[in-house]
Structures are given as structure tokens and as C-alpha cells.
PDB file of N, CA and C in Angstrom:
ATOM      1  N   MET A   1      -6.968   6.916 -20.706  1.00  0.00           N
ATOM      2  CA  MET A   1      -5.962   5.908 -20.968  1.00  0.00           C
ATOM      3  C   MET A   1      -4.703   6.547 -21.541  1.00  0.00           C
ATOM      4  N   ALA A   2      -4.885   7.506 -22.444  1.00  0.00           N
ATOM      5  CA  ALA A   2      -3.740   8.167 -23.056  1.00  0.00           C
ATOM      6  C   ALA A   2      -2.938   8.941 -22.023  1.00  0.00           C
ATOM      7  N   ILE A   3      -3.640   9.522 -21.055  1.00  0.00           N
ATOM      8  CA  ILE A   3      -2.945  10.275 -20.005  1.00  0.00           C
ATOM      9  C   ILE A   3      -2.080   9.340 -19.179  1.00  0.00           C
ATOM     10  N   ILE A   4      -2.599   8.165 -18.877  1.00  0.00           N
ATOM     11  CA  ILE A   4      -1.832   7.181 -18.092  1.00  0.00           C
ATOM     12  C   ILE A   4      -0.593   6.751 -18.862  1.00  0.00           C
ATOM     13  N   MET A   5      -0.738   6.520 -20.159  1.00  0.00           N
ATOM     14  CA  MET A   5       0.401   6.085 -20.976  1.00  0.00           C
ATOM     15  C   MET A   5       1.476   7.182 -21.011  1.00  0.00           C
ATOM     16  N   ARG A   6       1.055   8.445 -21.157  1.00  0.00           N
ATOM     17  CA  ARG A   6       2.025   9.542 -21.165  1.00  0.00           C
ATOM     18  C   ARG A   6       2.728   9.632 -19.820  1.00  0.00           C
ATOM     19  N   HIS A   7       1.970   9.471 -18.742  1.00  0.00           N
ATOM     20  CA  HIS A   7       2.551   9.532 -17.403  1.00  0.00           C
ATOM     21  C   HIS A   7       3.567   8.409 -17.206  1.00  0.00           C
ATOM     22  N   GLN A   8       3.253   7.212 -17.669  1.00  0.00           N
ATOM     23  CA  GLN A   8       4.172   6.082 -17.526  1.00  0.00           C
ATOM     24  C   GLN A   8       5.456   6.327 -18.324  1.00  0.00           C
ATOM     25  N   ARG A   9       5.326   6.875 -19.551  1.00  0.00           N
ATOM     26  CA  ARG A   9       6.525   7.164 -20.348  1.00  0.00           C
ATOM     27  C   ARG A   9       7.382   8.218 -19.670  1.00  0.00           C
ATOM     28  N   PHE A  10       6.742   9.274 -19.136  1.00  0.00           N
ATOM     29  CA  PHE A  10       7.479  10.324 -18.447  1.00  0.00           C
ATOM     30  C   PHE A  10       8.188   9.758 -17.226  1.00  0.00           C
ATOM     31  N   LEU A  11       7.483   8.935 -16.464  1.00  0.00           N
ATOM     32  CA  LEU A  11       8.069   8.329 -15.274  1.00  0.00           C
ATOM     33  C   LEU A  11       9.240   7.429 -15.646  1.00  0.00           C
ATOM     34  N   GLY A  12       9.078   6.649 -16.714  1.00  0.00           N
ATOM     35  CA  GLY A  12      10.156   5.773 -17.169  1.00  0.00           C
ATOM     36  C   GLY A  12      11.382   6.560 -17.587  1.00  0.00           C
ATOM     37  N   ARG A  13      11.183   7.658 -18.303  1.00  0.00           N
ATOM     38  CA  ARG A  13      12.315   8.500 -18.717  1.00  0.00           C
ATOM     39  C   ARG A  13      12.994   9.120 -17.510  1.00  0.00           C
ATOM     40  N   THR A  14      12.201   9.567 -16.547  1.00  0.00           N
ATOM     41  CA  THR A  14      12.763  10.197 -15.358  1.00  0.00           C
ATOM     42  C   THR A  14      13.597   9.200 -14.564  1.00  0.00           C
ATOM     43  N   VAL A  15      13.052   8.018 -14.351  1.00  0.00           N
ATOM     44  CA  VAL A  15      13.790   6.985 -13.607  1.00  0.00           C
ATOM     45  C   VAL A  15      15.053   6.587 -14.372  1.00  0.00           C
ATOM     46  N   GLY A  16      14.939   6.450 -15.681  1.00  0.00           N
ATOM     47  CA  GLY A  16      16.101   6.093 -16.503  1.00  0.00           C
ATOM     48  C   GLY A  16      17.192   7.153 -16.429  1.00  0.00           C
ATOM     49  N   ALA A  17      16.806   8.423 -16.512  1.00  0.00           N
ATOM     50  CA  ALA A  17      17.784   9.514 -16.430  1.00  0.00           C
ATOM     51  C   ALA A  17      18.444   9.543 -15.061  1.00  0.00           C
ATOM     52  N   PHE A  18      17.654   9.319 -14.009  1.00  0.00           N
ATOM     53  CA  PHE A  18      18.212   9.301 -12.661  1.00  0.00           C
ATOM     54  C   PHE A  18      19.217   8.158 -12.510  1.00  0.00           C
ATOM     55  N   ALA A  19      18.841   6.983 -12.979  1.00  0.00           N
ATOM     56  CA  ALA A  19      19.736   5.819 -12.877  1.00  0.00           C
ATOM     57  C   ALA A  19      21.026   6.057 -13.653  1.00  0.00           C
ATOM     58  N   LEU A  20      20.920   6.610 -14.840  1.00  0.00           N
ATOM     59  CA  LEU A  20      22.104   6.897 -15.650  1.00  0.00           C
ATOM     60  C   LEU A  20      23.013   7.886 -14.929  1.00  0.00           C
ATOM     61  N   GLY A  21      22.424   8.910 -14.343  1.00  0.00           N
ATOM     62  CA  GLY A  21      23.208   9.893 -13.594  1.00  0.00           C
ATOM     63  C   GLY A  21      23.882   9.278 -12.382  1.00  0.00           C
ATOM     64  N   ALA A  22      23.172   8.393 -11.694  1.00  0.00           N
ATOM     65  CA  ALA A  22      23.752   7.735 -10.518  1.00  0.00           C
ATOM     66  C   ALA A  22      24.936   6.859 -10.902  1.00  0.00           C
ATOM     67  N   VAL A  23      24.793   6.114 -11.997  1.00  0.00           N
ATOM     68  CA  VAL A  23      25.894   5.257 -12.459  1.00  0.00           C
ATOM     69  C   VAL A  23      27.079   6.107 -12.881  1.00  0.00           C
ATOM     70  N   ALA A  24      26.819   7.158 -13.638  1.00  0.00           N
ATOM     71  CA  ALA A  24      27.912   8.025 -14.098  1.00  0.00           C
ATOM     72  C   ALA A  24      28.633   8.663 -12.909  1.00  0.00           C
ATOM     73  N   GLY A  25      27.869   9.108 -11.926  1.00  0.00           N
ATOM     74  CA  GLY A  25      28.484   9.708 -10.741  1.00  0.00           C
ATOM     75  C   GLY A  25      29.300   8.703  -9.958  1.00  0.00           C
ATOM     76  N   SER A  26      28.810   7.473  -9.863  1.00  0.00           N
ATOM     77  CA  SER A  26      29.564   6.433  -9.142  1.00  0.00           C
ATOM     78  C   SER A  26      30.874   6.117  -9.839  1.00  0.00           C
ATOM     79  N   VAL A  27      30.832   5.980 -11.154  1.00  0.00           N
ATOM     80  CA  VAL A  27      32.058   5.689 -11.915  1.00  0.00           C
ATOM     81  C   VAL A  27      33.052   6.829 -11.769  1.00  0.00           C
ATOM     82  N   LEU A  28      32.583   8.053 -11.889  1.00  0.00           N
ATOM     83  CA  LEU A  28      33.461   9.212 -11.750  1.00  0.00           C
ATOM     84  C   LEU A  28      34.068   9.260 -10.357  1.00  0.00           C
ATOM     85  N   ALA A  29      33.283   8.974  -9.337  1.00  0.00           N
ATOM     86  CA  ALA A  29      33.793   8.982  -7.965  1.00  0.00           C
ATOM     87  C   ALA A  29      34.861   7.916  -7.773  1.00  0.00           C
ATOM     88  N   LEU A  30      34.666   6.736  -8.353  1.00  0.00           N
ATOM     89  CA  LEU A  30      35.667   5.671  -8.221  1.00  0.00           C
ATOM     90  C   LEU A  30      36.955   6.033  -8.956  1.00  0.00           C
ATOM     91  N   LEU A  31      36.820   6.668 -10.106  1.00  0.00           N
ATOM     92  CA  LEU A  31      38.012   7.047 -10.864  1.00  0.00           C
ATOM     93  C   LEU A  31      38.806   8.139 -10.171  1.00  0.00           C
ATOM     94  N   CYS A  32      38.141   8.998  -9.460  1.00  0.00           N
ATOM     95  CA  CYS A  32      38.804  10.117  -8.786  1.00  0.00           C
ATOM     96  C   CYS A  32      39.098   9.826  -7.319  1.00  0.00           C
ATOM     97  N   ALA A  33      38.840   8.642  -6.858  1.00  0.00           N
ATOM     98  CA  ALA A  33      39.035   8.301  -5.448  1.00  0.00           C
ATOM     99  C   ALA A  33      40.520   8.309  -5.101  1.00  0.00           C
ATOM    100  N   PRO A  34      40.862   8.952  -4.002  1.00  0.00           N
ATOM    101  CA  PRO A  34      42.278   9.003  -3.616  1.00  0.00           C
ATOM    102  C   PRO A  34      42.783   7.723  -2.947  1.00  0.00           C
ATOM    103  N   ALA A  35      41.900   6.818  -2.576  1.00  0.00           N
ATOM    104  CA  ALA A  35      42.297   5.614  -1.855  1.00  0.00           C
ATOM    105  C   ALA A  35      42.612   4.484  -2.838  1.00  0.00           C
ATOM    106  N   SER A  36      43.256   3.440  -2.336  1.00  0.00           N
ATOM    107  CA  SER A  36      43.594   2.281  -3.166  1.00  0.00           C
ATOM    108  C   SER A  36      42.331   1.488  -3.479  1.00  0.00           C
ATOM    109  N   GLY A  37      42.440   0.554  -4.393  1.00  0.00           N
ATOM    110  CA  GLY A  37      41.305  -0.265  -4.793  1.00  0.00           C
ATOM    111  C   GLY A  37      40.746  -1.086  -3.646  1.00  0.00           C
ATOM    112  N   ARG A  38      41.633  -1.670  -2.837  1.00  0.00           N
ATOM    113  CA  ARG A  38      41.185  -2.494  -1.732  1.00  0.00           C
ATOM    114  C   ARG A  38      40.398  -1.661  -0.713  1.00  0.00           C
ATOM    115  N   ILE A  39      40.915  -0.495  -0.384  1.00  0.00           N
ATOM    116  CA  ILE A  39      40.239   0.374   0.579  1.00  0.00           C
ATOM    117  C   ILE A  39      38.905   0.861   0.004  1.00  0.00           C
ATOM    118  N   THR A  40      38.907   1.206  -1.278  1.00  0.00           N
ATOM    119  CA  THR A  40      37.684   1.676  -1.918  1.00  0.00           C
ATOM    120  C   THR A  40      36.627   0.580  -1.929  1.00  0.00           C
ATOM    121  N   ARG A  41      37.040  -0.660  -2.255  1.00  0.00           N
ATOM    122  CA  ARG A  41      36.093  -1.772  -2.251  1.00  0.00           C
ATOM    123  C   ARG A  41      35.540  -2.020  -0.855  1.00  0.00           C
ATOM    124  N   ARG A  42      36.394  -1.896   0.149  1.00  0.00           N
ATOM    125  CA  ARG A  42      35.935  -2.075   1.530  1.00  0.00           C
ATOM    126  C   ARG A  42      34.917  -1.009   1.901  1.00  0.00           C
ATOM    127  N   ARG A  43      35.199   0.230   1.531  1.00  0.00           N
ATOM    128  CA  ARG A  43      34.268   1.327   1.813  1.00  0.00           C
ATOM    129  C   ARG A  43      32.924   1.092   1.119  1.00  0.00           C
ATOM    130  N   ILE A  44      33.007   0.651  -0.126  1.00  0.00           N
ATOM    131  CA  ILE A  44      31.772   0.380  -0.865  1.00  0.00           C
ATOM    132  C   ILE A  44      30.987  -0.733  -0.186  1.00  0.00           C
ATOM    133  N   GLY A  45      31.684  -1.788   0.236  1.00  0.00           N
ATOM    134  CA  GLY A  45      31.025  -2.900   0.923  1.00  0.00           C
ATOM    135  C   GLY A  45      30.350  -2.448   2.208  1.00  0.00           C
ATOM    136  N   LEU A  46      31.041  -1.619   2.987  1.00  0.00           N
ATOM    137  CA  LEU A  46      30.448  -1.110   4.225  1.00  0.00           C
ATOM    138  C   LEU A  46      29.228  -0.231   3.936  1.00  0.00           C
ATOM    139  N   LYS A  47      29.343   0.568   2.890  1.00  0.00           N
ATOM    140  CA  LYS A  47      28.220   1.440   2.527  1.00  0.00           C
ATOM    141  C   LYS A  47      27.010   0.606   2.085  1.00  0.00           C
ATOM    142  N   VAL A  48      27.269  -0.447   1.309  1.00  0.00           N
ATOM    143  CA  VAL A  48      26.178  -1.324   0.862  1.00  0.00           C
ATOM    144  C   VAL A  48      25.517  -1.993   2.059  1.00  0.00           C
ATOM    145  N   LYS A  49      26.309  -2.466   3.015  1.00  0.00           N
ATOM    146  CA  LYS A  49      25.734  -3.093   4.213  1.00  0.00           C
ATOM    147  C   LYS A  49      24.900  -2.101   5.008  1.00  0.00           C
ATOM    148  N   ALA A  50      25.376  -0.863   5.117  1.00  0.00           N
ATOM    149  CA  ALA A  50      24.618   0.161   5.836  1.00  0.00           C
ATOM    150  C   ALA A  50      23.298   0.451   5.114  1.00  0.00           C
ATOM    151  N   LEU A  51      23.352   0.531   3.785  1.00  0.00           N
ATOM    152  CA  LEU A  51      22.136   0.777   3.012  1.00  0.00           C
ATOM    153  C   LEU A  51      21.155  -0.387   3.146  1.00  0.00           C
ATOM    154  N   GLN A  52      21.678  -1.619   3.145  1.00  0.00           N
ATOM    155  CA  GLN A  52      20.816  -2.791   3.321  1.00  0.00           C
ATOM    156  C   GLN A  52      20.141  -2.769   4.686  1.00  0.00           C
ATOM    157  N   SER A  53      20.898  -2.415   5.706  1.00  0.00           N
ATOM    158  CA  SER A  53      20.351  -2.364   7.059  1.00  0.00           C
ATOM    159  C   SER A  53      19.262  -1.300   7.159  1.00  0.00           C
ATOM    160  N   THR A  54      19.526  -0.127   6.585  1.00  0.00           N
ATOM    161  CA  THR A  54      18.534   0.948   6.599  1.00  0.00           C
ATOM    162  C   THR A  54      17.283   0.531   5.838  1.00  0.00           C
ATOM    163  N   ALA A  55      17.470  -0.070   4.676  1.00  0.00           N
ATOM    164  CA  ALA A  55      16.323  -0.516   3.876  1.00  0.00           C
ATOM    165  C   ALA A  55      15.512  -1.569   4.626  1.00  0.00           C
ATOM    166  N   ALA A  56      16.192  -2.494   5.295  1.00  0.00           N
ATOM    167  CA  ALA A  56      15.494  -3.543   6.046  1.00  0.00           C
ATOM    168  C   ALA A  56      14.667  -2.937   7.180  1.00  0.00           C
ATOM    169  N   ARG A  57      15.255  -1.975   7.894  1.00  0.00           N
ATOM    170  CA  ARG A  57      14.519  -1.312   8.980  1.00  0.00           C
ATOM    171  C   ARG A  57      13.303  -0.570   8.444  1.00  0.00           C
ATOM    172  N   ARG A  58      13.479   0.135   7.340  1.00  0.00           N
ATOM    173  CA  ARG A  58      12.365   0.898   6.766  1.00  0.00           C
ATOM    174  C   ARG A  58      11.270  -0.035   6.251  1.00  0.00           C
ATOM    175  N   LEU A  59      11.664  -1.139   5.640  1.00  0.00           N
ATOM    176  CA  LEU A  59      10.675  -2.101   5.160  1.00  0.00           C
ATOM    177  C   LEU A  59       9.903  -2.721   6.323  1.00  0.00           C
ATOM    178  N   GLN A  60      10.591  -3.030   7.405  1.00  0.00           N
ATOM    179  CA  GLN A  60       9.931  -3.603   8.581  1.00  0.00           C
ATOM    180  C   GLN A  60       8.943  -2.605   9.170  1.00  0.00           C
ATOM    181  N   TRP A  61       9.353  -1.326   9.269  1.00  0.00           N
ATOM    182  CA  TRP A  61       8.473  -0.301   9.787  1.00  0.00           C
ATOM    183  C   TRP A  61       7.244  -0.151   8.883  1.00  0.00           C
ATOM    184  N   THR A  62       7.476  -0.112   7.571  1.00  0.00           N
ATOM    185  CA  THR A  62       6.373   0.017   6.618  1.00  0.00           C
ATOM    186  C   THR A  62       5.431  -1.168   6.737  1.00  0.00           C
ATOM    187  N   ARG A  63       5.982  -2.365   6.864  1.00  0.00           N
ATOM    188  CA  ARG A  63       5.158  -3.568   7.008  1.00  0.00           C
ATOM    189  C   ARG A  63       4.292  -3.476   8.260  1.00  0.00           C
ATOM    190  N   SER A  64       4.885  -3.057   9.371  1.00  0.00           N
ATOM    191  CA  SER A  64       4.109  -2.972  10.614  1.00  0.00           C
ATOM    192  C   SER A  64       3.003  -1.926  10.490  1.00  0.00           C
ATOM    193  N   GLN A  65       3.278  -0.819   9.801  1.00  0.00           N
ATOM    194  CA  GLN A  65       2.252   0.198   9.602  1.00  0.00           C
ATOM    195  C   GLN A  65       1.117  -0.325   8.724  1.00  0.00           C
ATOM    196  N   LEU A  66       1.475  -1.075   7.678  1.00  0.00           N
ATOM    197  CA  LEU A  66       0.448  -1.641   6.795  1.00  0.00           C
ATOM    198  C   LEU A  66      -0.407  -2.671   7.530  1.00  0.00           C
ATOM    199  N   VAL A  67       0.218  -3.485   8.357  1.00  0.00           N
ATOM    200  CA  VAL A  67      -0.535  -4.476   9.140  1.00  0.00           C
ATOM    201  C   VAL A  67      -1.492  -3.764  10.097  1.00  0.00           C
ATOM    202  N   LYS A  68      -1.013  -2.714  10.741  1.00  0.00           N
ATOM    203  CA  LYS A  68      -1.845  -1.945  11.666  1.00  0.00           C
ATOM    204  C   LYS A  68      -3.035  -1.332  10.925  1.00  0.00           C
ATOM    205  N   GLN A  69      -2.781  -0.730   9.770  1.00  0.00           N
ATOM    206  CA  GLN A  69      -3.871  -0.125   9.000  1.00  0.00           C
ATOM    207  C   GLN A  69      -4.842  -1.180   8.487  1.00  0.00           C
ATOM    208  N   ALA A  70      -4.333  -2.341   8.100  1.00  0.00           N
ATOM    209  CA  ALA A  70      -5.211  -3.415   7.619  1.00  0.00           C
ATOM    210  C   ALA A  70      -6.120  -3.896   8.736  1.00  0.00           C
ATOM    211  N   ARG A  71      -5.598  -4.008   9.942  1.00  0.00           N
ATOM    212  CA  ARG A  71      -6.428  -4.422  11.085  1.00  0.00           C
ATOM    213  C   ARG A  71      -7.512  -3.394  11.372  1.00  0.00           C
ATOM    214  N   GLN A  72      -7.138  -2.120  11.316  1.00  0.00           N
ATOM    215  CA  GLN A  72      -8.124  -1.067  11.545  1.00  0.00           C
ATOM    216  C   GLN A  72      -9.203  -1.099  10.465  1.00  0.00           C
ATOM    217  N   LEU A  73      -8.786  -1.264   9.221  1.00  0.00           N
ATOM    218  CA  LEU A  73      -9.732  -1.326   8.109  1.00  0.00           C
ATOM    219  C   LEU A  73     -10.667  -2.520   8.251  1.00  0.00           C
ATOM    220  N   ARG A  74     -10.111  -3.645   8.677  1.00  0.00           N
ATOM    221  CA  ARG A  74     -10.932  -4.843   8.870  1.00  0.00           C
ATOM    222  C   ARG A  74     -11.985  -4.622   9.951  1.00  0.00           C
ATOM    223  N   ALA A  75     -11.591  -3.967  11.031  1.00  0.00           N
ATOM    224  CA  ALA A  75     -12.530  -3.709  12.123  1.00  0.00           C
ATOM    225  C   ALA A  75     -13.644  -2.765  11.664  1.00  0.00           C
ATOM    226  N   VAL A  76     -13.268  -1.723  10.945  1.00  0.00           N
ATOM    227  CA  VAL A  76     -14.276  -0.776  10.450  1.00  0.00           C
ATOM    228  C   VAL A  76     -15.195  -1.468   9.457  1.00  0.00           C
ATOM    229  N   ALA A  77     -14.639  -2.281   8.570  1.00  0.00           N
ATOM    230  CA  ALA A  77     -15.456  -2.990   7.579  1.00  0.00           C
ATOM    231  C   ALA A  77     -16.429  -3.941   8.266  1.00  0.00           C
ATOM    232  N   ALA A  78     -15.964  -4.667   9.280  1.00  0.00           N
ATOM    233  CA  ALA A  78     -16.849  -5.590   9.999  1.00  0.00           C
ATOM    234  C   ALA A  78     -17.981  -4.829  10.680  1.00  0.00           C
ATOM    235  N   GLU A  79     -17.655  -3.675  11.239  1.00  0.00           N
ATOM    236  CA  GLU A  79     -18.683  -2.861  11.880  1.00  0.00           C
ATOM    237  C   GLU A  79     -19.710  -2.379  10.851  1.00  0.00           C
ATOM    238  N   LYS A  80     -19.225  -1.918   9.700  1.00  0.00           N
ATOM    239  CA  LYS A  80     -20.136  -1.429   8.654  1.00  0.00           C
ATOM    240  C   LYS A  80     -21.007  -2.562   8.104  1.00  0.00           C
ATOM    241  N   VAL A  81     -20.437  -3.739   7.958  1.00  0.00           N
ATOM    242  CA  VAL A  81     -21.220  -4.886   7.481  1.00  0.00           C
ATOM    243  C   VAL A  81     -22.315  -5.213   8.492  1.00  0.00           C
ATOM    244  N   GLY A  82     -21.990  -5.191   9.772  1.00  0.00           N
ATOM    245  CA  GLY A  82     -22.986  -5.449  10.802  1.00  0.00           C
ATOM    246  C   GLY A  82     -24.096  -4.412  10.789  1.00  0.00           C
ATOM    247  N   GLU A  83     -23.711  -3.143  10.663  1.00  0.00           N
ATOM    248  CA  GLU A  83     -24.712  -2.075  10.602  1.00  0.00           C
ATOM    249  C   GLU A  83     -25.607  -2.243   9.379  1.00  0.00           C
ATOM    250  N   THR A  84     -25.008  -2.565   8.255  1.00  0.00           N
ATOM    251  CA  THR A  84     -25.778  -2.742   7.023  1.00  0.00           C
ATOM    252  C   THR A  84     -26.715  -3.927   7.146  1.00  0.00           C
ATOM    253  N   ARG A  85     -26.247  -5.003   7.751  1.00  0.00           N
ATOM    254  CA  ARG A  85     -27.095  -6.189   7.947  1.00  0.00           C
ATOM    255  C   ARG A  85     -28.308  -5.844   8.805  1.00  0.00           C
ATOM    256  N   GLU A  86     -28.059  -5.118   9.889  1.00  0.00           N
ATOM    257  CA  GLU A  86     -29.165  -4.708  10.753  1.00  0.00           C
ATOM    258  C   GLU A  86     -30.145  -3.817   9.994  1.00  0.00           C
ATOM    259  N   TRP A  87     -29.629  -2.893   9.208  1.00  0.00           N
ATOM    260  CA  TRP A  87     -30.477  -1.984   8.435  1.00  0.00           C
ATOM    261  C   TRP A  87     -31.356  -2.773   7.465  1.00  0.00           C
ATOM    262  N   VAL A  88     -30.746  -3.744   6.765  1.00  0.00           N
ATOM    263  CA  VAL A  88     -31.496  -4.557   5.803  1.00  0.00           C
ATOM    264  C   VAL A  88     -32.538  -5.396   6.530  1.00  0.00           C
ATOM    265  N   MET A  89     -32.167  -6.010   7.630  1.00  0.00           N
ATOM    266  CA  MET A  89     -33.100  -6.863   8.370  1.00  0.00           C
ATOM    267  C   MET A  89     -34.291  -6.057   8.887  1.00  0.00           C
ATOM    268  N   ASP A  90     -34.058  -4.812   9.259  1.00  0.00           N
ATOM    269  CA  ASP A  90     -35.142  -3.961   9.738  1.00  0.00           C
ATOM    270  C   ASP A  90     -36.090  -3.543   8.618  1.00  0.00           C
ATOM    271  N   ARG A  91     -35.625  -3.538   7.396  1.00  0.00           N
ATOM    272  CA  ARG A  91     -36.423  -2.992   6.312  1.00  0.00           C
ATOM    273  C   ARG A  91     -37.042  -4.024   5.376  1.00  0.00           C
ATOM    274  N   LEU A  92     -36.571  -5.235   5.390  1.00  0.00           N
ATOM    275  CA  LEU A  92     -37.166  -6.260   4.541  1.00  0.00           C
ATOM    276  C   LEU A  92     -38.391  -6.843   5.229  1.00  0.00           C
ATOM    277  N   PRO A  93     -39.519  -6.888   4.530  1.00  0.00           N
ATOM    278  CA  PRO A  93     -40.742  -7.363   5.170  1.00  0.00           C
ATOM    279  C   PRO A  93     -40.658  -8.799   5.677  1.00  0.00           C
ATOM    280  N   LEU A  94     -40.014  -9.671   4.969  1.00  0.00           N
ATOM    281  CA  LEU A  94     -39.946 -11.077   5.385  1.00  0.00           C
ATOM    282  C   LEU A  94     -38.543 -11.472   5.825  1.00  0.00           C
ATOM    283  N   ALA A  95     -37.765 -10.520   6.262  1.00  0.00           N
ATOM    284  CA  ALA A  95     -36.369 -10.776   6.589  1.00  0.00           C
ATOM    285  C   ALA A  95     -36.187 -11.627   7.834  1.00  0.00           C
ATOM    286  N   ASN A  96     -37.187 -11.668   8.703  1.00  0.00           N
ATOM    287  CA  ASN A  96     -37.002 -12.434   9.926  1.00  0.00           C
ATOM    288  C   ASN A  96     -37.140 -13.930   9.704  1.00  0.00           C
ATOM    289  N   GLY A  97     -37.535 -14.361   8.517  1.00  0.00           N
ATOM    290  CA  GLY A  97     -37.501 -15.763   8.148  1.00  0.00           C
ATOM    291  C   GLY A  97     -38.658 -16.613   8.632  1.00  0.00           C
ATOM    292  N   ASN A  98     -39.587 -16.089   9.372  1.00  0.00           N
ATOM    293  CA  ASN A  98     -40.668 -16.936   9.869  1.00  0.00           C
ATOM    294  C   ASN A  98     -41.972 -16.733   9.093  1.00  0.00           C
ATOM    295  N   GLY A  99     -41.895 -16.043   7.973  1.00  0.00           N
ATOM    296  CA  GLY A  99     -43.081 -15.866   7.153  1.00  0.00           C
ATOM    297  C   GLY A  99     -43.948 -14.701   7.572  1.00  0.00           C
ATOM    298  N   ARG A 100     -43.593 -14.021   8.623  1.00  0.00           N
ATOM    299  CA  ARG A 100     -44.345 -12.855   9.077  1.00  0.00           C
ATOM    300  C   ARG A 100     -43.586 -11.589   8.697  1.00  0.00           C
ATOM    301  N   HIS A 101     -44.320 -10.520   8.652  1.00  0.00           N
ATOM    302  CA  HIS A 101     -43.679  -9.241   8.413  1.00  0.00           C
ATOM    303  C   HIS A 101     -42.981  -8.795   9.682  1.00  0.00           C
ATOM    304  N   SER A 102     -41.911  -8.044   9.507  1.00  0.00           N
ATOM    305  CA  SER A 102     -41.212  -7.563  10.688  1.00  0.00           C
ATOM    306  C   SER A 102     -42.071  -6.525  11.400  1.00  0.00           C
ATOM    307  N   ALA A 103     -41.760  -6.283  12.652  1.00  0.00           N
ATOM    308  CA  ALA A 103     -42.555  -5.362  13.463  1.00  0.00           C
ATOM    309  C   ALA A 103     -42.435  -3.934  12.953  1.00  0.00           C
ATOM    310  N   ASN A 104     -41.343  -3.593  12.327  1.00  0.00           N
ATOM    311  CA  ASN A 104     -41.144  -2.217  11.881  1.00  0.00           C
ATOM    312  C   ASN A 104     -41.956  -1.874  10.639  1.00  0.00           C
ATOM    313  N   HIS A 105     -42.271  -2.854   9.818  1.00  0.00           N
ATOM    314  CA  HIS A 105     -42.982  -2.608   8.578  1.00  0.00           C
ATOM    315  C   HIS A 105     -44.179  -3.546   8.468  1.00  0.00           C
ATOM    316  N   ARG A 106     -45.288  -3.076   8.872  1.00  0.00           N
ATOM    317  CA  ARG A 106     -46.514  -3.855   8.739  1.00  0.00           C
ATOM    318  C   ARG A 106     -47.274  -3.355   7.515  1.00  0.00           C
ATOM    319  N   THR A 107     -47.722  -4.263   6.727  1.00  0.00           N
ATOM    320  CA  THR A 107     -48.487  -3.859   5.552  1.00  0.00           C
ATOM    321  C   THR A 107     -49.969  -3.898   5.893  1.00  0.00           C
ATOM    322  N   THR A 108     -50.685  -2.984   5.322  1.00  0.00           N
ATOM    323  CA  THR A 108     -52.130  -2.994   5.510  1.00  0.00           C
ATOM    324  C   THR A 108     -52.753  -3.322   4.180  1.00  0.00           C
ATOM    325  N   HIS A 109     -53.693  -4.209   4.212  1.00  0.00           N
ATOM    326  CA  HIS A 109     -54.395  -4.605   3.007  1.00  0.00           C
ATOM    327  C   HIS A 109     -55.797  -4.029   3.055  1.00  0.00           C
ATOM    328  N   SER A 110     -56.202  -3.420   1.993  1.00  0.00           N
ATOM    329  CA  SER A 110     -57.585  -2.930   1.950  1.00  0.00           C
ATOM    330  C   SER A 110     -58.421  -3.902   1.144  1.00  0.00           C
ATOM    331  N   ALA A 111     -59.617  -4.162   1.621  1.00  0.00           N
ATOM    332  CA  ALA A 111     -60.477  -5.143   0.970  1.00  0.00           C
ATOM    333  C   ALA A 111     -61.430  -4.498   0.017  1.00  0.00           C
TER     334      ALA A 111
END
């Protein structure tokens, strides 16, 4: 538990430092920009739209991959459940439900 807490604190500090650096770099870039405010705002808007489009495409691709993997996992799980059911039915003496022992496991009683 302590290791997880240390990892979370380290991750939080790393993300915080990265975000602070990104903000500082953005402010510095805007202050040193050779273009007018209107042109700079337009460029920023276009960049944001491009980033949104890229993010949307990547999210859609990730979603389709997750759906594909979930379907594969479901098929494998269903197959394993069927195999396990067959294995159990073959090994339980009264599993066939009619009060008789299954053909694979006959008990012998000594008198």
C-alpha cells in the first residue's frame, strides 16, 4: 500500500510539473509571438481544432480496438465456460440429474 501511495505522489508531482511547464511555455510563446493578437488567436483556434480532431480520431480507434478485444474475450470466456461445464458434468457422479451415476464414474460397493 505504501508503494502505491509513493507512486501516486510521484506521478502527481510529475504531471503537475509537466502542466506548469506547458503553461509557462505557452505564455512565453504568446508574449514573444511576432503576429498580432487577432492572428495569434486565430492560429490558436486552428491548432485547438486540429488537436480536437486528432484526439477524436484516436479515441474512436481506441474504442474500436477495445470493442474488438472485448468480443474476443467474450468468445474465449464462453468457450472456457462450456469446457468447464462439460468437465464438471463428466466428473460429478449424479450430474446427469436422473439419479444414476454417470457412465464415466461408476461406483462399486462391496458387501
